[in-house]
């Protein structure tokens, strides 16, 4: 069944069609939200809010562009709402640990194995670090266009931009990503 048929049936109250729609697109929505928020729990909340919003507005989807593009546009809006709600909150709530506990965790007193340390650092994805280091606007356009594979028109619509502005932002974001990879993905902006 096509996305358009699933959407039509789901907007008419067909729960099975909506479940199939969610099953088809939840991976893309969660992955997009996780990369934007860098927080799996918040991404799960965003995903849930995205599908609740989609269910409420599904009858208004005109079928222009892909359903996935429309859902990712809703997910982006949900991420922005979540950021506004969390404004002023600390980014991460961590338990206060004593210096000796932190020292032990960091390996104080343990023999240093530079080869093992180098292998662990190398195993981390430089591209993911570089992507995470980008400003939100750059990460959004790269995720929509290059990772999710939306067309230029769909990406522009999801971001609320003209196609020309989206292309300009995408070009700049790609350059920022290459620069971040060359820096090791460890520094933002």
C-alpha atoms as a PDB file:
ATOM      1  CA  UNK A   1       0.000   0.000   0.000  1.00  0.00           C
ATOM      2  CA  UNK A   2       1.373   3.441  -0.900  1.00  0.00           C
ATOM      3  CA  UNK A   3       1.972   6.230   1.593  1.00  0.00           C
ATOM      4  CA  UNK A   4      -0.856   8.218   0.019  1.00  0.00           C
ATOM      5  CA  UNK A   5      -3.277   5.314   0.489  1.00  0.00           C
ATOM      6  CA  UNK A   6      -2.098   4.741   4.077  1.00  0.00           C
ATOM      7  CA  UNK A   7      -2.520   8.451   4.812  1.00  0.00           C
ATOM      8  CA  UNK A   8      -5.994   8.558   3.292  1.00  0.00           C
ATOM      9  CA  UNK A   9      -7.130   5.483   5.226  1.00  0.00           C
ATOM     10  CA  UNK A  10      -5.501   6.626   8.481  1.00  0.00           C
ATOM     11  CA  UNK A  11      -7.139  10.061   8.233  1.00  0.00           C
ATOM     12  CA  UNK A  12     -10.478   8.244   7.905  1.00  0.00           C
ATOM     13  CA  UNK A  13      -9.878   6.511  11.233  1.00  0.00           C
ATOM     14  CA  UNK A  14      -8.290   3.239  10.058  1.00  0.00           C
ATOM     15  CA  UNK A  15      -6.010   2.365  13.000  1.00  0.00           C
ATOM     16  CA  UNK A  16      -4.254  -0.422  11.118  1.00  0.00           C
ATOM     17  CA  UNK A  17      -3.326   2.006   8.344  1.00  0.00           C
ATOM     18  CA  UNK A  18      -1.961   4.495  10.869  1.00  0.00           C
ATOM     19  CA  UNK A  19       0.020   1.723  12.591  1.00  0.00           C
ATOM     20  CA  UNK A  20       1.474   0.727   9.215  1.00  0.00           C
ATOM     21  CA  UNK A  21       2.332   4.361   8.505  1.00  0.00           C
ATOM     22  CA  UNK A  22       4.127   4.654  11.866  1.00  0.00           C
ATOM     23  CA  UNK A  23       5.945   1.360  11.331  1.00  0.00           C
ATOM     24  CA  UNK A  24       7.135   2.527   7.917  1.00  0.00           C
ATOM     25  CA  UNK A  25       8.443   5.925   9.020  1.00  0.00           C
ATOM     26  CA  UNK A  26       9.342   5.695  12.710  1.00  0.00           C
ATOM     27  CA  UNK A  27      12.976   4.795  12.010  1.00  0.00           C
ATOM     28  CA  UNK A  28      13.501   7.847   9.812  1.00  0.00           C
ATOM     29  CA  UNK A  29      11.690  10.167  12.250  1.00  0.00           C
ATOM     30  CA  UNK A  30      13.556   8.843  15.287  1.00  0.00           C
ATOM     31  CA  UNK A  31      16.938   8.930  13.537  1.00  0.00           C
ATOM     32  CA  UNK A  32      16.385  12.475  12.343  1.00  0.00           C
ATOM     33  CA  UNK A  33      15.220  13.632  15.780  1.00  0.00           C
ATOM     34  CA  UNK A  34      18.113  11.864  17.511  1.00  0.00           C
ATOM     35  CA  UNK A  35      20.681  13.499  15.293  1.00  0.00           C
ATOM     36  CA  UNK A  36      19.104  16.916  15.803  1.00  0.00           C
ATOM     37  CA  UNK A  37      18.706  16.610  19.557  1.00  0.00           C
ATOM     38  CA  UNK A  38      21.693  14.358  20.329  1.00  0.00           C
ATOM     39  CA  UNK A  39      19.486  12.813  23.037  1.00  0.00           C
ATOM     40  CA  UNK A  40      17.760   9.451  22.533  1.00  0.00           C
ATOM     41  CA  UNK A  41      15.118  10.082  25.207  1.00  0.00           C
ATOM     42  CA  UNK A  42      14.215  13.481  23.790  1.00  0.00           C
ATOM     43  CA  UNK A  43      14.208  11.996  20.277  1.00  0.00           C
ATOM     44  CA  UNK A  44      11.723   9.349  21.415  1.00  0.00           C
ATOM     45  CA  UNK A  45       9.489  12.099  22.822  1.00  0.00           C
ATOM     46  CA  UNK A  46       9.811  14.068  19.584  1.00  0.00           C
ATOM     47  CA  UNK A  47       8.924  10.975  17.573  1.00  0.00           C
ATOM     48  CA  UNK A  48       5.810  10.386  19.653  1.00  0.00           C
ATOM     49  CA  UNK A  49       4.721  14.021  19.365  1.00  0.00           C
ATOM     50  CA  UNK A  50       5.416  13.934  15.625  1.00  0.00           C
ATOM     51  CA  UNK A  51       3.066  11.018  15.040  1.00  0.00           C
ATOM     52  CA  UNK A  52       0.395  12.459  17.337  1.00  0.00           C
ATOM     53  CA  UNK A  53       0.547  15.735  15.413  1.00  0.00           C
ATOM     54  CA  UNK A  54       0.532  13.860  12.110  1.00  0.00           C
ATOM     55  CA  UNK A  55      -2.568  11.927  13.151  1.00  0.00           C
ATOM     56  CA  UNK A  56      -4.344  15.179  13.978  1.00  0.00           C
ATOM     57  CA  UNK A  57      -3.303  16.864  10.724  1.00  0.00           C
ATOM     58  CA  UNK A  58      -3.261  13.910   8.337  1.00  0.00           C
ATOM     59  CA  UNK A  59      -6.496  14.940   6.651  1.00  0.00           C
ATOM     60  CA  UNK A  60      -4.784  18.209   5.719  1.00  0.00           C
ATOM     61  CA  UNK A  61      -1.812  16.541   4.006  1.00  0.00           C
ATOM     62  CA  UNK A  62      -2.294  17.342   0.331  1.00  0.00           C
ATOM     63  CA  UNK A  63       0.066  14.708  -0.977  1.00  0.00           C
ATOM     64  CA  UNK A  64       2.555  17.261  -2.274  1.00  0.00           C
ATOM     65  CA  UNK A  65       6.008  15.841  -1.772  1.00  0.00           C
ATOM     66  CA  UNK A  66       6.631  12.692   0.167  1.00  0.00           C
ATOM     67  CA  UNK A  67       4.857  11.733   3.353  1.00  0.00           C
ATOM     68  CA  UNK A  68       8.261  11.127   4.941  1.00  0.00           C
ATOM     69  CA  UNK A  69       9.274  14.706   4.104  1.00  0.00           C
ATOM     70  CA  UNK A  70       6.085  15.992   5.696  1.00  0.00           C
ATOM     71  CA  UNK A  71       6.705  13.879   8.809  1.00  0.00           C
ATOM     72  CA  UNK A  72      10.314  15.094   9.071  1.00  0.00           C
ATOM     73  CA  UNK A  73       9.053  18.661   8.807  1.00  0.00           C
ATOM     74  CA  UNK A  74       6.724  17.993  11.750  1.00  0.00           C
ATOM     75  CA  UNK A  75       9.618  16.356  13.646  1.00  0.00           C
ATOM     76  CA  UNK A  76      11.773  19.432  13.074  1.00  0.00           C
ATOM     77  CA  UNK A  77       9.001  21.634  14.469  1.00  0.00           C
ATOM     78  CA  UNK A  78       8.719  19.337  17.490  1.00  0.00           C
ATOM     79  CA  UNK A  79      12.476  19.593  18.084  1.00  0.00           C
ATOM     80  CA  UNK A  80      12.246  23.385  17.971  1.00  0.00           C
ATOM     81  CA  UNK A  81       9.330  23.297  20.441  1.00  0.00           C
ATOM     82  CA  UNK A  82      11.282  21.008  22.757  1.00  0.00           C
ATOM     83  CA  UNK A  83      14.280  23.367  22.624  1.00  0.00           C
ATOM     84  CA  UNK A  84      12.070  26.330  23.533  1.00  0.00           C
ATOM     85  CA  UNK A  85      10.544  24.390  26.425  1.00  0.00           C
ATOM     86  CA  UNK A  86      13.980  23.453  27.712  1.00  0.00           C
ATOM     87  CA  UNK A  87      15.493  26.916  27.341  1.00  0.00           C
ATOM     88  CA  UNK A  88      17.287  27.789  30.519  1.00  0.00           C
ATOM     89  CA  UNK A  89      17.532  24.207  31.707  1.00  0.00           C
ATOM     90  CA  UNK A  90      20.960  22.661  32.051  1.00  0.00           C
ATOM     91  CA  UNK A  91      21.783  20.566  28.994  1.00  0.00           C
ATOM     92  CA  UNK A  92      22.516  17.512  31.107  1.00  0.00           C
ATOM     93  CA  UNK A  93      21.714  16.681  34.696  1.00  0.00           C
ATOM     94  CA  UNK A  94      24.613  14.668  36.047  1.00  0.00           C
ATOM     95  CA  UNK A  95      25.062  13.345  39.548  1.00  0.00           C
ATOM     96  CA  UNK A  96      27.733  15.030  41.577  1.00  0.00           C
ATOM     97  CA  UNK A  97      30.625  12.641  41.994  1.00  0.00           C
ATOM     98  CA  UNK A  98      33.568  12.940  44.285  1.00  0.00           C
ATOM     99  CA  UNK A  99      37.012  13.587  42.858  1.00  0.00           C
ATOM    100  CA  UNK A 100      38.296  10.139  43.903  1.00  0.00           C
ATOM    101  CA  UNK A 101      35.359   8.457  42.083  1.00  0.00           C
ATOM    102  CA  UNK A 102      36.000  10.528  38.974  1.00  0.00           C
ATOM    103  CA  UNK A 103      39.714   9.764  39.203  1.00  0.00           C
ATOM    104  CA  UNK A 104      39.118   6.028  39.362  1.00  0.00           C
ATOM    105  CA  UNK A 105      36.713   6.229  36.432  1.00  0.00           C
ATOM    106  CA  UNK A 106      39.287   8.211  34.449  1.00  0.00           C
ATOM    107  CA  UNK A 107      41.880   5.526  35.150  1.00  0.00           C
ATOM    108  CA  UNK A 108      44.068   7.109  37.827  1.00  0.00           C
ATOM    109  CA  UNK A 109      46.472   4.545  39.150  1.00  0.00           C
ATOM    110  CA  UNK A 110      45.919   2.166  36.252  1.00  0.00           C
ATOM    111  CA  UNK A 111      48.724   1.521  33.794  1.00  0.00           C
ATOM    112  CA  UNK A 112      48.294   3.557  30.606  1.00  0.00           C
ATOM    113  CA  UNK A 113      47.770   1.481  27.478  1.00  0.00           C
ATOM    114  CA  UNK A 114      48.212   4.000  24.653  1.00  0.00           C
ATOM    115  CA  UNK A 115      47.437   1.467  21.925  1.00  0.00           C
ATOM    116  CA  UNK A 116      44.109   0.461  23.495  1.00  0.00           C
ATOM    117  CA  UNK A 117      43.242   4.124  24.042  1.00  0.00           C
ATOM    118  CA  UNK A 118      44.099   4.988  20.432  1.00  0.00           C
ATOM    119  CA  UNK A 119      41.982   2.085  19.129  1.00  0.00           C
ATOM    120  CA  UNK A 120      38.956   3.245  21.146  1.00  0.00           C
ATOM    121  CA  UNK A 121      39.290   6.807  19.916  1.00  0.00           C
ATOM    122  CA  UNK A 122      39.683   5.617  16.324  1.00  0.00           C
ATOM    123  CA  UNK A 123      36.608   3.372  16.652  1.00  0.00           C
ATOM    124  CA  UNK A 124      34.415   6.414  17.305  1.00  0.00           C
ATOM    125  CA  UNK A 125      32.843   7.789  14.193  1.00  0.00           C
ATOM    126  CA  UNK A 126      34.571  10.988  13.120  1.00  0.00           C
ATOM    127  CA  UNK A 127      31.687  11.810  10.829  1.00  0.00           C
ATOM    128  CA  UNK A 128      29.127  11.569  13.639  1.00  0.00           C
ATOM    129  CA  UNK A 129      31.281  13.813  15.847  1.00  0.00           C
ATOM    130  CA  UNK A 130      31.700  16.302  13.030  1.00  0.00           C
ATOM    131  CA  UNK A 131      27.960  16.283  12.290  1.00  0.00           C
ATOM    132  CA  UNK A 132      27.148  16.801  15.964  1.00  0.00           C
ATOM    133  CA  UNK A 133      29.582  19.730  16.092  1.00  0.00           C
ATOM    134  CA  UNK A 134      27.755  21.632  13.340  1.00  0.00           C
ATOM    135  CA  UNK A 135      25.311  24.449  14.074  1.00  0.00           C
ATOM    136  CA  UNK A 136      21.675  23.313  14.137  1.00  0.00           C
ATOM    137  CA  UNK A 137      20.783  24.922  10.784  1.00  0.00           C
ATOM    138  CA  UNK A 138      23.633  23.121   9.026  1.00  0.00           C
ATOM    139  CA  UNK A 139      22.879  19.771  10.657  1.00  0.00           C
ATOM    140  CA  UNK A 140      19.161  20.034   9.771  1.00  0.00           C
ATOM    141  CA  UNK A 141      19.707  20.649   6.061  1.00  0.00           C
ATOM    142  CA  UNK A 142      22.357  17.912   5.801  1.00  0.00           C
ATOM    143  CA  UNK A 143      20.171  15.388   7.586  1.00  0.00           C
ATOM    144  CA  UNK A 144      17.117  16.137   5.471  1.00  0.00           C
ATOM    145  CA  UNK A 145      18.846  16.300   2.087  1.00  0.00           C
ATOM    146  CA  UNK A 146      21.862  14.001   2.356  1.00  0.00           C
ATOM    147  CA  UNK A 147      20.925  11.508   5.062  1.00  0.00           C
ATOM    148  CA  UNK A 148      17.145  11.231   4.640  1.00  0.00           C
ATOM    149  CA  UNK A 149      17.383  11.745   0.879  1.00  0.00           C
ATOM    150  CA  UNK A 150      14.578  14.281   0.520  1.00  0.00           C
ATOM    151  CA  UNK A 151      14.420  16.148  -2.770  1.00  0.00           C
ATOM    152  CA  UNK A 152      15.502  19.774  -2.924  1.00  0.00           C
ATOM    153  CA  UNK A 153      11.872  20.919  -2.999  1.00  0.00           C
ATOM    154  CA  UNK A 154      10.938  18.712  -0.031  1.00  0.00           C
ATOM    155  CA  UNK A 155      13.963  19.859   1.971  1.00  0.00           C
ATOM    156  CA  UNK A 156      13.189  23.502   1.262  1.00  0.00           C
ATOM    157  CA  UNK A 157       9.560  22.993   2.292  1.00  0.00           C
ATOM    158  CA  UNK A 158      10.528  21.179   5.502  1.00  0.00           C
ATOM    159  CA  UNK A 159      12.825  24.057   6.445  1.00  0.00           C
ATOM    160  CA  UNK A 160      10.432  26.788   5.322  1.00  0.00           C
ATOM    161  CA  UNK A 161      12.942  28.134   2.796  1.00  0.00           C
ATOM    162  CA  UNK A 162      13.011  28.846  -0.909  1.00  0.00           C
ATOM    163  CA  UNK A 163      14.852  26.221  -2.953  1.00  0.00           C
ATOM    164  CA  UNK A 164      17.632  28.736  -3.665  1.00  0.00           C
ATOM    165  CA  UNK A 165      18.074  29.513   0.049  1.00  0.00           C
ATOM    166  CA  UNK A 166      18.075  25.796   0.871  1.00  0.00           C
ATOM    167  CA  UNK A 167      20.764  25.148  -1.766  1.00  0.00           C
ATOM    168  CA  UNK A 168      22.893  27.945  -0.358  1.00  0.00           C
ATOM    169  CA  UNK A 169      22.479  26.613   3.188  1.00  0.00           C
ATOM    170  CA  UNK A 170      23.232  23.069   2.016  1.00  0.00           C
ATOM    171  CA  UNK A 171      26.408  24.127   0.227  1.00  0.00           C
ATOM    172  CA  UNK A 172      27.617  26.006   3.307  1.00  0.00           C
ATOM    173  CA  UNK A 173      26.693  23.073   5.572  1.00  0.00           C
ATOM    174  CA  UNK A 174      28.628  20.620   3.405  1.00  0.00           C
ATOM    175  CA  UNK A 175      31.682  22.872   3.579  1.00  0.00           C
ATOM    176  CA  UNK A 176      31.282  23.158   7.370  1.00  0.00           C
ATOM    177  CA  UNK A 177      31.037  19.373   7.633  1.00  0.00           C
ATOM    178  CA  UNK A 178      34.219  18.827   5.622  1.00  0.00           C
ATOM    179  CA  UNK A 179      36.022  21.410   7.743  1.00  0.00           C
ATOM    180  CA  UNK A 180      34.766  19.739  10.941  1.00  0.00           C
ATOM    181  CA  UNK A 181      35.915  16.319   9.716  1.00  0.00           C
ATOM    182  CA  UNK A 182      39.349  17.752   8.953  1.00  0.00           C
ATOM    183  CA  UNK A 183      39.449  19.214  12.463  1.00  0.00           C
ATOM    184  CA  UNK A 184      38.524  15.820  13.849  1.00  0.00           C
ATOM    185  CA  UNK A 185      34.892  16.689  14.538  1.00  0.00           C
ATOM    186  CA  UNK A 186      35.803  17.843  17.997  1.00  0.00           C
ATOM    187  CA  UNK A 187      35.084  21.547  17.765  1.00  0.00           C
ATOM    188  CA  UNK A 188      31.823  23.303  16.975  1.00  0.00           C
ATOM    189  CA  UNK A 189      31.351  26.068  14.412  1.00  0.00           C
END
